[in-house]
N, C-alpha and C. Protein backbone atom coordinates (compact mmCIF):
# COMPACT_ATOMS: atom_id res chain seq x y z
N MET A 1 -20.32 12.09 53.76
CA MET A 1 -20.82 13.44 53.63
C MET A 1 -20.26 14.10 52.36
N GLU A 2 -18.97 13.94 52.13
CA GLU A 2 -18.34 14.53 50.96
C GLU A 2 -18.94 13.95 49.69
N ASN A 3 -19.27 12.66 49.67
CA ASN A 3 -19.86 12.01 48.51
C ASN A 3 -21.23 12.61 48.19
N LYS A 4 -22.02 12.91 49.21
CA LYS A 4 -23.33 13.52 48.99
C LYS A 4 -23.19 14.90 48.37
N GLU A 5 -22.18 15.65 48.82
CA GLU A 5 -21.93 16.98 48.26
C GLU A 5 -21.55 16.88 46.79
N GLN A 6 -20.71 15.92 46.46
CA GLN A 6 -20.30 15.74 45.08
C GLN A 6 -21.49 15.34 44.21
N ILE A 7 -22.35 14.49 44.73
CA ILE A 7 -23.54 14.07 43.99
C ILE A 7 -24.46 15.27 43.77
N ALA A 8 -24.63 16.08 44.81
CA ALA A 8 -25.47 17.27 44.69
C ALA A 8 -24.91 18.24 43.67
N LYS A 9 -23.58 18.44 43.69
CA LYS A 9 -22.95 19.33 42.71
C LYS A 9 -23.09 18.79 41.29
N ALA A 10 -22.93 17.49 41.14
CA ALA A 10 -23.07 16.87 39.83
C ALA A 10 -24.50 17.00 39.32
N ALA A 11 -25.47 16.81 40.21
CA ALA A 11 -26.88 16.95 39.83
C ALA A 11 -27.19 18.39 39.43
N ALA A 12 -26.66 19.34 40.17
CA ALA A 12 -26.87 20.76 39.85
C ALA A 12 -26.24 21.10 38.50
N LEU A 13 -25.04 20.62 38.25
CA LEU A 13 -24.37 20.85 36.98
C LEU A 13 -25.16 20.22 35.84
N ASP A 14 -25.64 19.00 36.05
CA ASP A 14 -26.44 18.32 35.03
C ASP A 14 -27.69 19.13 34.71
N ARG A 15 -28.32 19.67 35.74
CA ARG A 15 -29.53 20.47 35.54
C ARG A 15 -29.21 21.73 34.73
N ILE A 16 -28.10 22.37 35.02
CA ILE A 16 -27.71 23.58 34.31
C ILE A 16 -27.43 23.28 32.84
N VAL A 17 -26.76 22.19 32.57
CA VAL A 17 -26.34 21.85 31.22
C VAL A 17 -27.46 21.19 30.40
N ASN A 18 -28.26 20.37 31.03
CA ASN A 18 -29.22 19.54 30.29
C ASN A 18 -30.68 19.90 30.55
N TYR A 19 -30.96 21.13 30.89
CA TYR A 19 -32.33 21.51 31.25
C TYR A 19 -33.34 21.22 30.16
N GLU A 20 -32.94 21.30 28.91
CA GLU A 20 -33.89 21.08 27.82
C GLU A 20 -34.47 19.67 27.81
N THR A 21 -33.73 18.71 28.36
CA THR A 21 -34.21 17.34 28.34
C THR A 21 -35.25 17.05 29.41
N TYR A 22 -35.31 17.82 30.46
CA TYR A 22 -36.27 17.52 31.52
C TYR A 22 -37.39 18.54 31.64
N ILE A 23 -37.28 19.68 31.00
CA ILE A 23 -38.30 20.73 31.12
C ILE A 23 -39.69 20.18 30.77
N SER A 24 -39.78 19.41 29.71
CA SER A 24 -41.09 18.92 29.25
C SER A 24 -41.75 17.97 30.24
N SER A 25 -40.98 17.38 31.14
CA SER A 25 -41.56 16.44 32.10
C SER A 25 -41.97 17.13 33.41
N MET A 26 -41.73 18.41 33.53
CA MET A 26 -42.07 19.13 34.76
C MET A 26 -43.53 19.57 34.75
N ASN A 27 -44.08 19.76 35.94
CA ASN A 27 -45.45 20.28 36.01
C ASN A 27 -45.40 21.81 35.94
N ASN A 28 -46.56 22.42 35.80
CA ASN A 28 -46.62 23.87 35.63
C ASN A 28 -46.03 24.62 36.82
N ALA A 29 -46.26 24.14 38.03
CA ALA A 29 -45.73 24.81 39.21
C ALA A 29 -44.19 24.80 39.19
N GLN A 30 -43.61 23.70 38.75
CA GLN A 30 -42.15 23.63 38.66
C GLN A 30 -41.63 24.57 37.58
N LEU A 31 -42.33 24.64 36.46
CA LEU A 31 -41.93 25.55 35.39
C LEU A 31 -41.99 27.00 35.86
N ILE A 32 -43.05 27.33 36.57
CA ILE A 32 -43.21 28.70 37.09
C ILE A 32 -42.08 29.02 38.07
N ALA A 33 -41.72 28.05 38.90
CA ALA A 33 -40.64 28.27 39.87
C ALA A 33 -39.32 28.58 39.15
N ILE A 34 -39.07 27.91 38.05
CA ILE A 34 -37.84 28.15 37.27
C ILE A 34 -37.87 29.55 36.67
N VAL A 35 -39.02 29.93 36.13
CA VAL A 35 -39.15 31.26 35.52
C VAL A 35 -38.97 32.34 36.58
N ILE A 36 -39.58 32.16 37.72
CA ILE A 36 -39.48 33.17 38.79
C ILE A 36 -38.05 33.29 39.31
N SER A 37 -37.36 32.16 39.44
CA SER A 37 -36.01 32.19 40.02
C SER A 37 -34.99 32.88 39.13
N LEU A 38 -35.15 32.77 37.82
CA LEU A 38 -34.21 33.36 36.85
C LEU A 38 -32.75 33.03 37.16
N GLU A 39 -32.51 31.82 37.65
CA GLU A 39 -31.13 31.41 37.95
C GLU A 39 -30.34 31.15 36.68
N ASN A 40 -31.00 30.61 35.68
CA ASN A 40 -30.37 30.28 34.41
C ASN A 40 -31.31 30.79 33.32
N TYR A 41 -30.89 31.79 32.58
CA TYR A 41 -31.79 32.43 31.62
C TYR A 41 -32.23 31.48 30.51
N GLY A 42 -31.35 30.61 30.07
CA GLY A 42 -31.73 29.63 29.05
C GLY A 42 -32.78 28.67 29.57
N GLU A 43 -32.59 28.22 30.79
CA GLU A 43 -33.56 27.33 31.42
C GLU A 43 -34.89 28.06 31.62
N ALA A 44 -34.83 29.31 32.04
CA ALA A 44 -36.05 30.09 32.23
C ALA A 44 -36.79 30.27 30.91
N ALA A 45 -36.06 30.52 29.83
CA ALA A 45 -36.68 30.67 28.52
C ALA A 45 -37.36 29.37 28.08
N SER A 46 -36.70 28.25 28.32
CA SER A 46 -37.29 26.95 27.98
C SER A 46 -38.53 26.66 28.82
N ALA A 47 -38.44 26.98 30.11
CA ALA A 47 -39.58 26.75 31.01
C ALA A 47 -40.75 27.65 30.61
N LEU A 48 -40.47 28.90 30.28
CA LEU A 48 -41.51 29.84 29.88
C LEU A 48 -42.17 29.39 28.58
N THR A 49 -41.38 28.91 27.64
CA THR A 49 -41.90 28.41 26.38
C THR A 49 -42.80 27.20 26.61
N GLU A 50 -42.34 26.27 27.43
CA GLU A 50 -43.14 25.07 27.73
C GLU A 50 -44.44 25.46 28.42
N LEU A 51 -44.36 26.38 29.36
CA LEU A 51 -45.57 26.84 30.04
C LEU A 51 -46.53 27.49 29.05
N SER A 52 -46.02 28.26 28.12
CA SER A 52 -46.86 28.92 27.12
C SER A 52 -47.53 27.90 26.19
N ILE A 53 -46.82 26.85 25.85
CA ILE A 53 -47.39 25.79 25.02
C ILE A 53 -48.57 25.15 25.74
N ARG A 54 -48.40 24.93 27.02
CA ARG A 54 -49.44 24.27 27.82
C ARG A 54 -50.59 25.21 28.16
N ASP A 55 -50.26 26.46 28.50
CA ASP A 55 -51.28 27.39 29.00
C ASP A 55 -50.80 28.82 28.79
N LYS A 56 -51.16 29.38 27.63
CA LYS A 56 -50.73 30.74 27.29
C LYS A 56 -51.12 31.76 28.36
N GLU A 57 -52.32 31.60 28.91
CA GLU A 57 -52.80 32.57 29.91
C GLU A 57 -51.94 32.57 31.17
N LYS A 58 -51.39 31.42 31.53
CA LYS A 58 -50.51 31.35 32.71
C LYS A 58 -49.16 31.97 32.40
N ALA A 59 -48.71 31.83 31.17
CA ALA A 59 -47.38 32.32 30.80
C ALA A 59 -47.35 33.83 30.56
N THR A 60 -48.44 34.38 30.08
CA THR A 60 -48.48 35.80 29.70
C THR A 60 -48.03 36.76 30.80
N PRO A 61 -48.51 36.62 32.04
CA PRO A 61 -48.05 37.56 33.07
C PRO A 61 -46.54 37.50 33.33
N PHE A 62 -45.95 36.33 33.19
CA PHE A 62 -44.51 36.20 33.40
C PHE A 62 -43.75 36.86 32.24
N CYS A 63 -44.28 36.72 31.03
CA CYS A 63 -43.67 37.40 29.88
C CYS A 63 -43.71 38.91 30.09
N SER A 64 -44.87 39.41 30.50
CA SER A 64 -45.01 40.85 30.74
C SER A 64 -44.05 41.33 31.81
N LYS A 65 -43.94 40.58 32.89
CA LYS A 65 -43.06 40.98 34.00
C LYS A 65 -41.60 41.05 33.55
N ILE A 66 -41.17 40.06 32.81
CA ILE A 66 -39.79 40.03 32.31
C ILE A 66 -39.51 41.29 31.47
N LEU A 67 -40.46 41.64 30.62
CA LEU A 67 -40.27 42.78 29.74
C LEU A 67 -40.43 44.12 30.45
N GLU A 68 -41.43 44.23 31.29
CA GLU A 68 -41.69 45.50 31.98
C GLU A 68 -40.61 45.83 33.00
N GLU A 69 -40.04 44.79 33.62
CA GLU A 69 -39.03 45.01 34.65
C GLU A 69 -37.61 44.79 34.15
N ASN A 70 -37.48 44.57 32.82
CA ASN A 70 -36.16 44.41 32.21
C ASN A 70 -35.35 43.29 32.89
N LEU A 71 -36.00 42.15 33.08
CA LEU A 71 -35.37 41.02 33.77
C LEU A 71 -34.67 40.10 32.77
N GLY A 72 -33.67 39.39 33.26
CA GLY A 72 -32.96 38.45 32.42
C GLY A 72 -32.07 39.14 31.40
N ASP A 73 -31.64 38.37 30.41
CA ASP A 73 -30.80 38.93 29.35
C ASP A 73 -31.66 39.22 28.12
N GLU A 74 -31.05 39.74 27.10
CA GLU A 74 -31.79 40.12 25.90
C GLU A 74 -32.44 38.93 25.21
N PHE A 75 -31.87 37.75 25.34
CA PHE A 75 -32.42 36.56 24.68
C PHE A 75 -33.66 36.07 25.41
N LEU A 76 -33.64 36.08 26.73
CA LEU A 76 -34.84 35.75 27.50
C LEU A 76 -35.94 36.77 27.20
N GLN A 77 -35.57 38.02 27.10
CA GLN A 77 -36.55 39.06 26.78
C GLN A 77 -37.14 38.85 25.39
N ALA A 78 -36.33 38.43 24.44
CA ALA A 78 -36.83 38.16 23.09
C ALA A 78 -37.82 36.99 23.11
N VAL A 79 -37.50 35.94 23.84
CA VAL A 79 -38.42 34.81 23.96
C VAL A 79 -39.71 35.27 24.62
N ALA A 80 -39.58 36.03 25.71
CA ALA A 80 -40.76 36.53 26.41
C ALA A 80 -41.62 37.39 25.47
N PHE A 81 -40.98 38.21 24.66
CA PHE A 81 -41.76 39.05 23.73
C PHE A 81 -42.48 38.18 22.70
N ASN A 82 -41.78 37.22 22.12
CA ASN A 82 -42.42 36.34 21.13
C ASN A 82 -43.66 35.66 21.72
N LEU A 83 -43.52 35.16 22.93
CA LEU A 83 -44.64 34.47 23.57
C LEU A 83 -45.76 35.43 23.94
N LEU A 84 -45.39 36.62 24.40
CA LEU A 84 -46.40 37.62 24.75
C LEU A 84 -47.15 38.06 23.50
N TYR A 85 -46.44 38.29 22.43
CA TYR A 85 -47.07 38.73 21.18
C TYR A 85 -48.07 37.70 20.69
N GLU A 86 -47.71 36.45 20.85
CA GLU A 86 -48.59 35.35 20.45
C GLU A 86 -49.82 35.26 21.36
N GLY A 87 -49.63 35.56 22.64
CA GLY A 87 -50.71 35.39 23.62
C GLY A 87 -51.54 36.63 23.88
N ASP A 88 -50.95 37.82 23.75
CA ASP A 88 -51.64 39.06 24.07
C ASP A 88 -51.02 40.20 23.27
N GLN A 89 -51.46 40.34 22.03
CA GLN A 89 -50.88 41.36 21.15
C GLN A 89 -51.03 42.77 21.69
N GLU A 90 -52.14 43.03 22.35
CA GLU A 90 -52.36 44.36 22.89
C GLU A 90 -51.30 44.72 23.93
N LYS A 91 -51.02 43.78 24.82
CA LYS A 91 -49.99 44.00 25.84
C LYS A 91 -48.61 44.11 25.17
N ALA A 92 -48.37 43.30 24.17
CA ALA A 92 -47.09 43.35 23.45
C ALA A 92 -46.89 44.72 22.80
N MET A 93 -47.97 45.28 22.26
CA MET A 93 -47.87 46.59 21.64
C MET A 93 -47.59 47.67 22.69
N GLU A 94 -48.15 47.51 23.88
CA GLU A 94 -47.83 48.45 24.97
C GLU A 94 -46.34 48.40 25.30
N ILE A 95 -45.80 47.19 25.34
CA ILE A 95 -44.37 47.00 25.63
C ILE A 95 -43.53 47.69 24.56
N ILE A 96 -43.91 47.51 23.30
CA ILE A 96 -43.17 48.15 22.22
C ILE A 96 -43.19 49.67 22.40
N ASN A 97 -44.36 50.20 22.62
CA ASN A 97 -44.48 51.66 22.75
C ASN A 97 -43.66 52.21 23.91
N LYS A 98 -43.60 51.46 25.01
CA LYS A 98 -42.86 51.94 26.19
C LYS A 98 -41.35 51.72 26.08
N ASN A 99 -40.95 50.62 25.45
CA ASN A 99 -39.56 50.18 25.57
C ASN A 99 -38.75 50.17 24.29
N VAL A 100 -39.32 50.53 23.16
CA VAL A 100 -38.57 50.39 21.92
C VAL A 100 -37.30 51.22 21.92
N SER A 101 -37.31 52.37 22.55
CA SER A 101 -36.14 53.25 22.50
C SER A 101 -34.93 52.70 23.26
N SER A 102 -35.16 51.70 24.11
CA SER A 102 -34.04 51.12 24.85
C SER A 102 -33.91 49.61 24.64
N ALA A 103 -34.64 49.07 23.69
CA ALA A 103 -34.63 47.62 23.47
C ALA A 103 -33.26 47.12 23.03
N PRO A 104 -32.76 46.05 23.69
CA PRO A 104 -31.50 45.46 23.23
C PRO A 104 -31.72 44.74 21.88
N ALA A 105 -30.65 44.40 21.23
CA ALA A 105 -30.71 43.88 19.86
C ALA A 105 -31.62 42.66 19.70
N ALA A 106 -31.47 41.66 20.53
CA ALA A 106 -32.27 40.44 20.36
C ALA A 106 -33.76 40.75 20.52
N LEU A 107 -34.10 41.57 21.49
CA LEU A 107 -35.50 41.96 21.68
C LEU A 107 -35.99 42.77 20.48
N LEU A 108 -35.19 43.69 20.01
CA LEU A 108 -35.57 44.49 18.85
C LEU A 108 -35.79 43.60 17.63
N GLY A 109 -34.94 42.61 17.46
CA GLY A 109 -35.11 41.66 16.36
C GLY A 109 -36.43 40.91 16.47
N ALA A 110 -36.79 40.50 17.69
CA ALA A 110 -38.07 39.80 17.91
C ALA A 110 -39.25 40.73 17.61
N ILE A 111 -39.13 41.97 18.02
CA ILE A 111 -40.19 42.95 17.74
C ILE A 111 -40.36 43.11 16.23
N MET A 112 -39.25 43.30 15.53
CA MET A 112 -39.33 43.48 14.08
C MET A 112 -39.90 42.25 13.39
N ASP A 113 -39.50 41.06 13.82
CA ASP A 113 -40.01 39.83 13.20
C ASP A 113 -41.51 39.68 13.39
N ASN A 114 -41.98 39.90 14.60
CA ASN A 114 -43.41 39.75 14.86
C ASN A 114 -44.23 40.76 14.08
N LEU A 115 -43.77 42.00 14.06
CA LEU A 115 -44.50 43.02 13.31
C LEU A 115 -44.42 42.76 11.81
N SER A 116 -43.31 42.27 11.32
CA SER A 116 -43.18 41.95 9.90
C SER A 116 -44.14 40.83 9.51
N THR A 117 -44.26 39.84 10.36
CA THR A 117 -45.17 38.72 10.11
C THR A 117 -46.60 39.23 9.93
N ASP A 118 -46.96 40.24 10.71
CA ASP A 118 -48.32 40.76 10.68
C ASP A 118 -48.49 42.01 9.81
N SER A 119 -47.53 42.30 8.96
CA SER A 119 -47.58 43.55 8.19
C SER A 119 -48.80 43.63 7.27
N LEU A 120 -49.30 42.51 6.82
CA LEU A 120 -50.48 42.52 5.93
C LEU A 120 -51.77 42.25 6.69
N GLN A 121 -51.66 42.00 7.98
CA GLN A 121 -52.84 41.77 8.82
C GLN A 121 -53.38 43.11 9.32
N PRO A 122 -54.60 43.10 9.86
CA PRO A 122 -55.18 44.37 10.35
C PRO A 122 -54.27 45.11 11.33
N LEU A 123 -53.62 44.40 12.25
CA LEU A 123 -52.73 45.06 13.20
C LEU A 123 -51.60 45.79 12.46
N GLY A 124 -50.95 45.09 11.56
CA GLY A 124 -49.84 45.68 10.82
C GLY A 124 -50.27 46.86 9.98
N GLN A 125 -51.47 46.78 9.44
CA GLN A 125 -51.99 47.86 8.60
C GLN A 125 -52.27 49.13 9.41
N THR A 126 -52.54 48.98 10.70
CA THR A 126 -52.89 50.14 11.52
C THR A 126 -51.71 50.77 12.24
N LEU A 127 -50.52 50.18 12.13
CA LEU A 127 -49.36 50.74 12.83
C LEU A 127 -48.97 52.08 12.22
N SER A 128 -48.68 53.02 13.08
CA SER A 128 -48.33 54.36 12.61
C SER A 128 -46.90 54.40 12.07
N SER A 129 -46.70 55.33 11.16
CA SER A 129 -45.34 55.55 10.65
C SER A 129 -44.41 55.97 11.77
N GLY A 130 -44.94 56.72 12.73
CA GLY A 130 -44.13 57.16 13.87
C GLY A 130 -43.58 56.00 14.66
N LEU A 131 -44.43 55.02 14.97
CA LEU A 131 -43.97 53.84 15.71
C LEU A 131 -42.96 53.05 14.89
N LEU A 132 -43.28 52.83 13.64
CA LEU A 132 -42.39 52.05 12.77
C LEU A 132 -41.03 52.74 12.64
N ASN A 133 -41.04 54.05 12.50
CA ASN A 133 -39.78 54.79 12.38
C ASN A 133 -39.00 54.79 13.70
N SER A 134 -39.70 54.74 14.83
CA SER A 134 -38.98 54.67 16.10
C SER A 134 -38.25 53.34 16.24
N ILE A 135 -38.80 52.29 15.64
CA ILE A 135 -38.12 50.99 15.63
C ILE A 135 -36.87 51.07 14.77
N VAL A 136 -36.99 51.69 13.60
CA VAL A 136 -35.83 51.88 12.73
C VAL A 136 -34.78 52.74 13.43
N ASP A 137 -35.22 53.81 14.08
CA ASP A 137 -34.29 54.68 14.80
C ASP A 137 -33.50 53.90 15.85
N ARG A 138 -34.19 53.02 16.57
CA ARG A 138 -33.50 52.23 17.60
C ARG A 138 -32.47 51.30 16.95
N TYR A 139 -32.84 50.70 15.83
CA TYR A 139 -31.89 49.85 15.12
C TYR A 139 -30.64 50.65 14.75
N LEU A 140 -30.84 51.83 14.23
CA LEU A 140 -29.70 52.65 13.79
C LEU A 140 -28.81 53.09 14.94
N GLU A 141 -29.34 53.11 16.16
CA GLU A 141 -28.54 53.47 17.35
C GLU A 141 -27.68 52.31 17.86
N LEU A 142 -27.98 51.10 17.44
CA LEU A 142 -27.24 49.93 17.93
C LEU A 142 -25.79 49.97 17.46
N SER A 143 -24.96 49.23 18.17
CA SER A 143 -23.56 49.09 17.73
C SER A 143 -23.54 48.34 16.40
N ASN A 144 -22.44 48.47 15.68
CA ASN A 144 -22.32 47.77 14.40
C ASN A 144 -22.44 46.26 14.57
N ALA A 145 -21.88 45.73 15.65
CA ALA A 145 -21.96 44.29 15.90
C ALA A 145 -23.41 43.87 16.12
N ASP A 146 -24.16 44.65 16.90
CA ASP A 146 -25.56 44.32 17.15
C ASP A 146 -26.39 44.47 15.87
N LYS A 147 -26.10 45.49 15.08
CA LYS A 147 -26.81 45.66 13.80
C LYS A 147 -26.60 44.44 12.92
N LYS A 148 -25.38 43.97 12.89
CA LYS A 148 -25.06 42.81 12.05
C LYS A 148 -25.83 41.57 12.51
N ARG A 149 -25.95 41.40 13.83
CA ARG A 149 -26.66 40.23 14.38
C ARG A 149 -28.12 40.18 13.96
N ILE A 150 -28.75 41.35 13.83
CA ILE A 150 -30.18 41.35 13.50
C ILE A 150 -30.46 41.99 12.14
N LEU A 151 -29.47 41.99 11.28
CA LEU A 151 -29.61 42.60 9.96
C LEU A 151 -30.76 41.99 9.16
N GLU A 152 -30.90 40.67 9.18
CA GLU A 152 -31.98 40.02 8.42
C GLU A 152 -33.35 40.45 8.95
N ASN A 153 -33.48 40.57 10.28
CA ASN A 153 -34.74 41.03 10.86
C ASN A 153 -35.05 42.44 10.35
N TYR A 154 -34.03 43.28 10.36
CA TYR A 154 -34.19 44.67 9.94
C TYR A 154 -34.57 44.75 8.46
N GLU A 155 -33.91 43.98 7.63
CA GLU A 155 -34.20 44.02 6.20
C GLU A 155 -35.63 43.57 5.91
N TRP A 156 -36.07 42.53 6.61
CA TRP A 156 -37.44 42.05 6.43
C TRP A 156 -38.44 43.10 6.92
N PHE A 157 -38.12 43.73 8.04
CA PHE A 157 -38.98 44.78 8.58
C PHE A 157 -39.10 45.93 7.59
N GLN A 158 -37.98 46.37 7.03
CA GLN A 158 -37.99 47.46 6.05
C GLN A 158 -38.82 47.09 4.83
N GLU A 159 -38.65 45.87 4.38
CA GLU A 159 -39.40 45.40 3.21
C GLU A 159 -40.90 45.32 3.52
N SER A 160 -41.22 44.86 4.71
CA SER A 160 -42.63 44.70 5.10
C SER A 160 -43.37 46.01 5.23
N TYR A 161 -42.66 47.05 5.62
CA TYR A 161 -43.29 48.35 5.87
C TYR A 161 -42.72 49.46 5.00
N GLU A 162 -42.21 49.11 3.83
CA GLU A 162 -41.56 50.11 2.98
C GLU A 162 -42.47 51.29 2.65
N ASP A 163 -43.77 51.06 2.57
CA ASP A 163 -44.69 52.16 2.24
C ASP A 163 -44.93 53.10 3.41
N LYS A 164 -44.61 52.66 4.63
CA LYS A 164 -44.85 53.51 5.82
C LYS A 164 -43.58 54.11 6.40
N LEU A 165 -42.44 53.61 5.96
CA LEU A 165 -41.16 54.11 6.48
C LEU A 165 -40.65 55.24 5.61
N LEU A 166 -40.11 56.24 6.24
CA LEU A 166 -39.60 57.41 5.50
C LEU A 166 -38.34 57.08 4.73
């Protein structure tokens, strides 16, 4: 009995540490179960990414839920935002409008990167100065350590929208 417990613990530890090696071999239902459970945020991010690669439409609602309900950590939220932006820009823009004032650093960095990428596209051209400045305002509210972590994202964002930022 004790041996079975040790094997189960070792298997659980292996899963926690090595999730990236087996995620790609899982079916969609298994990936969804990992995302829903949120037991390991890194594993959930990998599962969500794999699901998005296979079927963006299946992944999008989970991305939205993570962002709308503030689930997981800031890194899972950043991954969810990147995938949502790729799959449903309209929904991603709703998330930005609702949550930019409280976005953690990693999520804010993802927002800035995605918008910077599209700065010359029709979407980027139509963004209001008010929205863009609210993103800058949120960056300026971050701690110095958080600002430093996403400084490159911020600099690219400023460069991309220099004509619309005050």
